Amino acid sequence: MVAKELKNVWWMLAVGVLIFLPVLVSGPTPYAQLVEIAKEDSSFLNMPVPSIFEQDTGIPEDPVLFAAEEMALFFGAVGKTFLMPLAAVLGIGLISAEAGRNTIFLLLSKPVGRDRVVLAKWAAGAAALLGVVAFFGIAFVASAAAKGYPMELLSVTGIALSILLLWLGSLSVFGLALAVSVLLRNVVWSAIAVLSLFVVTWAFSSFLYGFWMNYFLDDSESLRLSAGLVQRAIIPYYWSSKDLYLGDSLALANFLICLFVAALTLLAALWAFRRRAF
């Protein structure tokens, strides 16, 4: 059954490749350009990364380490930005498309349990997302190498685990979209609901973080810690880790949080499908 579902989602792998290819060609910034920036403006090296989805970090003065951290931050930021809508689109269509075509009744008439139907579709979608993330992670390293980035500071294990973490994080969006598609049974309404949820969450988190940074953040350590807590309230924050990418940490907390949220959304989809009358 999973093999059959994989045939239905192969297009997601192709879409993912097409989406990430232009990004890989245009970024990251060539290594020589980073070195020139560092030479021309030393203050640039100590600027924090202004993102609600990334860990607060200072850029090191060593250009080689600077480049390595640039790769780690680029991998996390770009991966999250493109995987969120990709995972949402994939999850929305798995059940609601079947319900919209009334093929869900044919599917449920077979001698398989309802849980198996959902799990098979979830497994196929998760496999497609893993393929997309793996392509992005490997192709990104190749792109950085072609642009002169020093590869000696990179960790093969760290990169592999970062790919796994990013994939695990994307499963939370995928599972949420799958649960919504079960509840609404209509592709259009499912898409509107998921998009609205993203917009509201993004707007609220951005407002909260921006409000704190603009009105409360000063040089005191306590306020800096509080701003960090605002960042950590956003689930995609845990989808990547600079230290994990560089091989300096296993980021166990990130893995546990992403695993918990992915399992929670899958259980929600299973619960909704058991109680939905088709």
Protein backbone atom coordinates (compact mmCIF):
# COMPACT_ATOMS: atom_id res chain seq x y z
CA MET A 1 0.00 0.00 0.00
CA VAL A 2 2.86 2.35 0.79
CA ALA A 3 4.44 1.57 -2.59
CA LYS A 4 1.19 2.56 -4.30
CA GLU A 5 1.05 5.82 -2.37
CA LEU A 6 4.67 6.58 -3.27
CA LYS A 7 3.70 6.49 -6.94
CA ASN A 8 1.09 9.15 -6.21
CA VAL A 9 3.52 11.56 -4.52
CA TRP A 10 6.58 11.23 -6.76
CA TRP A 11 5.72 14.64 -8.19
CA MET A 12 6.53 16.22 -4.83
CA LEU A 13 10.15 15.19 -5.16
CA ALA A 14 10.29 16.76 -8.63
CA VAL A 15 8.64 19.96 -7.38
CA GLY A 16 11.05 20.15 -4.47
CA VAL A 17 14.06 19.80 -6.75
CA LEU A 18 12.73 22.51 -9.07
CA ILE A 19 12.06 24.85 -6.15
CA PHE A 20 15.49 24.47 -4.56
CA LEU A 21 17.57 24.56 -7.76
CA PRO A 22 17.37 28.36 -8.28
CA VAL A 23 18.19 28.90 -4.60
CA LEU A 24 21.23 26.64 -4.81
CA VAL A 25 22.46 28.48 -7.90
CA SER A 26 22.02 31.96 -6.39
CA GLY A 27 23.20 31.23 -2.85
CA PRO A 28 25.07 31.12 -0.62
CA THR A 29 27.26 34.21 -0.96
CA PRO A 30 30.57 33.30 -2.65
CA TYR A 31 33.37 32.75 -0.15
CA ALA A 32 35.65 35.39 -1.69
CA GLN A 33 32.89 37.97 -1.33
CA LEU A 34 32.43 37.09 2.34
CA VAL A 35 36.14 37.62 2.97
CA GLU A 36 36.01 41.01 1.22
CA ILE A 37 33.03 42.05 3.31
CA ALA A 38 34.91 41.07 6.44
CA LYS A 39 37.93 43.13 5.41
CA GLU A 40 35.93 46.21 4.45
CA ASP A 41 33.62 46.33 7.45
CA SER A 42 34.75 44.55 10.59
CA SER A 43 31.58 45.61 12.41
CA PHE A 44 29.64 43.32 10.09
CA LEU A 45 31.34 40.35 11.71
CA ASN A 46 29.68 40.97 15.06
CA MET A 47 26.13 41.57 13.86
CA PRO A 48 23.51 39.12 15.20
CA VAL A 49 21.33 37.22 12.75
CA PRO A 50 17.93 38.99 12.70
CA SER A 51 15.59 36.02 12.41
CA ILE A 52 12.82 34.68 14.63
CA PHE A 53 13.58 31.19 13.33
CA GLU A 54 17.33 31.10 14.02
CA GLN A 55 19.41 30.95 17.14
CA ASP A 56 20.98 34.23 18.22
CA THR A 57 24.62 34.16 17.22
CA GLY A 58 27.58 36.43 16.73
CA ILE A 59 29.62 36.07 13.56
CA PRO A 60 33.22 35.04 14.37
CA GLU A 61 36.18 37.07 13.21
CA ASP A 62 37.86 34.08 11.55
CA PRO A 63 36.72 34.22 7.89
CA VAL A 64 36.83 30.43 7.58
CA LEU A 65 34.61 29.90 10.61
CA PHE A 66 32.47 32.81 9.44
CA ALA A 67 31.91 31.00 6.13
CA ALA A 68 31.09 27.73 7.86
CA GLU A 69 28.49 29.42 10.04
CA GLU A 70 27.12 31.20 6.98
CA MET A 71 26.51 27.78 5.44
CA ALA A 72 24.81 26.49 8.58
CA LEU A 73 22.49 29.50 8.86
CA PHE A 74 21.71 29.53 5.14
CA PHE A 75 20.85 25.82 5.23
CA GLY A 76 18.43 26.28 8.13
CA ALA A 77 16.76 29.50 6.97
CA VAL A 78 16.27 28.49 3.33
CA GLY A 79 15.26 24.94 4.22
CA LYS A 80 12.53 26.12 6.56
CA THR A 81 11.26 28.80 4.19
CA PHE A 82 10.67 26.38 1.31
CA LEU A 83 9.79 23.22 3.22
CA MET A 84 6.90 24.74 5.16
CA PRO A 85 4.67 25.44 2.12
CA LEU A 86 5.88 22.27 0.38
CA ALA A 87 4.94 20.07 3.35
CA ALA A 88 1.60 21.88 3.70
CA VAL A 89 0.66 21.37 0.04
CA LEU A 90 1.56 17.69 0.21
CA GLY A 91 -0.43 17.09 3.39
CA ILE A 92 -3.51 18.98 2.23
CA GLY A 93 -4.03 16.84 -0.85
CA LEU A 94 -3.63 13.37 0.64
CA ILE A 95 -7.10 12.91 2.15
CA SER A 96 -9.16 15.86 0.93
CA ALA A 97 -8.35 15.06 -2.70
CA GLU A 98 -9.59 11.49 -2.20
CA ALA A 99 -12.74 12.78 -0.50
CA GLY A 100 -13.34 15.35 -3.24
CA ARG A 101 -13.19 12.64 -5.93
CA ASN A 102 -15.22 10.22 -3.76
CA THR A 103 -12.43 7.67 -4.18
CA ILE A 104 -12.10 7.58 -0.39
CA PHE A 105 -15.06 5.18 -0.28
CA LEU A 106 -13.33 2.78 -2.65
CA LEU A 107 -10.20 3.00 -0.54
CA LEU A 108 -12.09 2.26 2.68
CA SER A 109 -13.98 -0.63 1.10
CA LYS A 110 -10.75 -2.61 0.94
CA PRO A 111 -9.88 -4.97 3.81
CA VAL A 112 -7.56 -2.50 5.53
CA GLY A 113 -8.05 -0.52 8.72
CA ARG A 114 -8.53 3.23 8.76
CA ASP A 115 -5.29 3.74 10.62
CA ARG A 116 -3.40 1.86 7.93
CA VAL A 117 -4.85 4.13 5.23
CA VAL A 118 -3.63 7.24 7.02
CA LEU A 119 -0.27 5.73 7.97
CA ALA A 120 0.39 4.59 4.40
CA LYS A 121 -0.32 8.06 3.03
CA TRP A 122 1.71 9.68 5.80
CA ALA A 123 4.66 7.35 5.19
CA ALA A 124 4.63 8.06 1.45
CA GLY A 125 4.51 11.81 2.01
CA ALA A 126 7.24 11.62 4.65
CA ALA A 127 9.46 9.66 2.26
CA ALA A 128 8.92 12.28 -0.46
CA LEU A 129 9.85 15.08 1.96
CA LEU A 130 12.96 13.19 3.05
CA GLY A 131 14.03 12.93 -0.58
CA VAL A 132 13.57 16.67 -1.05
CA VAL A 133 15.51 17.55 2.10
CA ALA A 134 18.32 15.11 1.26
CA PHE A 135 18.65 16.60 -2.23
CA PHE A 136 18.75 20.11 -0.81
CA GLY A 137 21.33 19.24 1.84
CA ILE A 138 23.71 17.43 -0.52
CA ALA A 139 23.30 19.86 -3.40
CA PHE A 140 23.81 22.81 -1.06
CA VAL A 141 27.21 21.50 0.07
CA ALA A 142 28.19 20.97 -3.57
CA SER A 143 27.07 24.53 -4.42
CA ALA A 144 29.06 25.97 -1.51
CA ALA A 145 32.16 24.00 -2.52
CA ALA A 146 31.83 25.34 -6.07
CA LYS A 147 31.75 28.87 -4.65
CA GLY A 148 35.02 28.39 -2.81
CA TYR A 149 33.78 27.62 0.69
CA PRO A 150 36.33 25.79 2.86
CA MET A 151 35.06 22.28 3.46
CA GLU A 152 37.52 21.29 6.19
CA LEU A 153 35.39 22.68 9.03
CA LEU A 154 32.22 20.89 7.94
CA SER A 155 31.12 17.68 9.61
CA VAL A 156 29.64 14.90 7.48
CA THR A 157 27.81 13.59 10.53
CA GLY A 158 26.59 17.08 11.41
CA ILE A 159 25.27 17.68 7.90
CA ALA A 160 23.54 14.29 7.81
CA LEU A 161 21.92 14.90 11.21
CA SER A 162 20.91 18.43 10.13
CA ILE A 163 19.15 16.96 7.10
CA LEU A 164 17.37 14.52 9.40
CA LEU A 165 16.38 17.29 11.82
CA LEU A 166 15.06 19.55 9.08
CA TRP A 167 13.01 16.67 7.69
CA LEU A 168 11.70 15.79 11.13
CA GLY A 169 10.65 19.40 11.63
CA SER A 170 8.82 19.52 8.30
CA LEU A 171 6.73 16.52 9.38
CA SER A 172 4.94 18.74 11.92
CA VAL A 173 3.58 20.95 9.12
CA PHE A 174 2.88 17.90 6.97
CA GLY A 175 0.95 16.19 9.77
CA LEU A 176 -1.00 19.34 10.62
CA ALA A 177 -2.03 19.79 6.98
CA LEU A 178 -3.02 16.12 6.82
CA ALA A 179 -5.22 16.49 9.92
CA VAL A 180 -6.88 19.59 8.48
CA SER A 181 -7.56 17.79 5.18
CA VAL A 182 -9.30 15.01 7.12
CA LEU A 183 -11.51 17.44 9.02
CA LEU A 184 -12.52 19.62 6.06
CA ARG A 185 -12.58 17.00 3.27
CA ASN A 186 -12.16 19.71 0.63
CA VAL A 187 -8.87 20.72 -0.96
CA VAL A 188 -9.76 24.39 -1.34
CA TRP A 189 -11.07 24.82 2.20
CA SER A 190 -8.16 22.82 3.59
CA ALA A 191 -5.72 25.08 1.76
CA ILE A 192 -7.48 28.21 3.03
CA ALA A 193 -7.48 26.90 6.61
CA VAL A 194 -3.79 25.94 6.61
CA LEU A 195 -2.77 29.18 4.89
CA SER A 196 -4.79 31.23 7.38
CA LEU A 197 -3.20 29.38 10.26
CA PHE A 198 0.27 30.07 8.87
CA VAL A 199 -0.46 33.75 8.30
CA VAL A 200 -1.91 34.26 11.78
CA THR A 201 0.95 32.37 13.46
CA TRP A 202 3.62 34.14 11.42
CA ALA A 203 2.09 37.58 11.93
CA PHE A 204 1.66 37.09 15.67
CA SER A 205 5.15 35.68 16.22
CA SER A 206 6.76 38.39 14.09
CA PHE A 207 4.82 41.11 15.90
CA LEU A 208 5.69 39.68 19.29
CA TYR A 209 9.38 39.34 18.49
CA GLY A 210 9.58 42.74 16.78
CA PHE A 211 7.69 44.44 19.61
CA TRP A 212 10.06 42.97 22.18
CA MET A 213 13.20 43.84 20.20
CA ASN A 214 12.07 47.42 19.52
CA TYR A 215 10.68 48.39 22.91
CA PHE A 216 12.29 46.22 25.55
CA LEU A 217 15.66 44.97 24.36
CA ASP A 218 18.64 46.82 25.74
CA ASP A 219 22.06 45.86 27.00
CA SER A 220 20.83 44.02 30.08
CA GLU A 221 21.37 40.28 30.09
CA SER A 222 17.90 39.53 31.48
CA LEU A 223 16.18 41.19 28.53
CA ARG A 224 18.38 39.33 26.06
CA LEU A 225 17.37 36.06 27.67
CA SER A 226 13.70 37.05 27.47
CA ALA A 227 14.04 37.86 23.77
CA GLY A 228 15.55 34.40 23.34
CA LEU A 229 12.50 32.89 25.00
CA VAL A 230 10.30 34.62 22.41
CA GLN A 231 12.35 32.96 19.68
CA ARG A 232 12.06 29.56 21.31
CA ALA A 233 8.27 29.78 21.32
CA ILE A 234 8.33 29.33 17.53
CA ILE A 235 8.44 25.63 16.57
CA PRO A 236 10.45 26.10 13.31
CA TYR A 237 13.21 27.57 15.47
CA TYR A 238 14.05 23.98 16.42
CA TRP A 239 14.20 22.67 12.84
CA SER A 240 17.89 23.51 12.55
CA SER A 241 20.95 24.08 14.70
CA LYS A 242 24.15 25.84 13.75
CA ASP A 243 26.16 23.81 16.24
CA LEU A 244 24.66 20.56 14.95
CA TYR A 245 25.53 21.45 11.35
CA LEU A 246 29.13 22.20 12.32
CA GLY A 247 29.42 19.01 14.37
CA ASP A 248 29.75 20.82 17.71
CA SER A 249 26.53 19.51 19.26
CA LEU A 250 23.95 16.76 18.84
CA ALA A 251 21.04 19.19 19.47
CA LEU A 252 19.08 16.52 21.35
CA ALA A 253 16.50 19.05 22.56
CA ASN A 254 15.77 20.04 18.94
CA PHE A 255 15.30 16.42 17.92
CA LEU A 256 13.03 15.64 20.86
CA ILE A 257 10.83 18.70 20.31
CA CYS A 258 10.51 18.09 16.55
CA LEU A 259 9.79 14.39 17.15
CA PHE A 260 7.13 15.21 19.73
CA VAL A 261 5.34 17.74 17.49
CA ALA A 262 5.52 15.43 14.45
CA ALA A 263 4.04 12.56 16.48
CA LEU A 264 1.36 14.85 17.91
CA THR A 265 0.16 16.00 14.49
CA LEU A 266 0.16 12.42 13.17
CA LEU A 267 -1.94 11.28 16.14
CA ALA A 268 -4.32 14.18 15.49
CA ALA A 269 -4.73 13.04 11.87
CA LEU A 270 -5.36 9.44 12.98
CA TRP A 271 -7.88 10.56 15.59
CA ALA A 272 -9.75 12.74 13.09
CA PHE A 273 -9.84 10.01 10.44
CA ARG A 274 -11.21 7.43 12.89
CA ARG A 275 -14.12 9.71 13.74
CA ARG A 276 -14.79 11.11 10.30
CA ALA A 277 -17.78 9.66 8.47
CA PHE A 278 -16.89 9.05 4.83
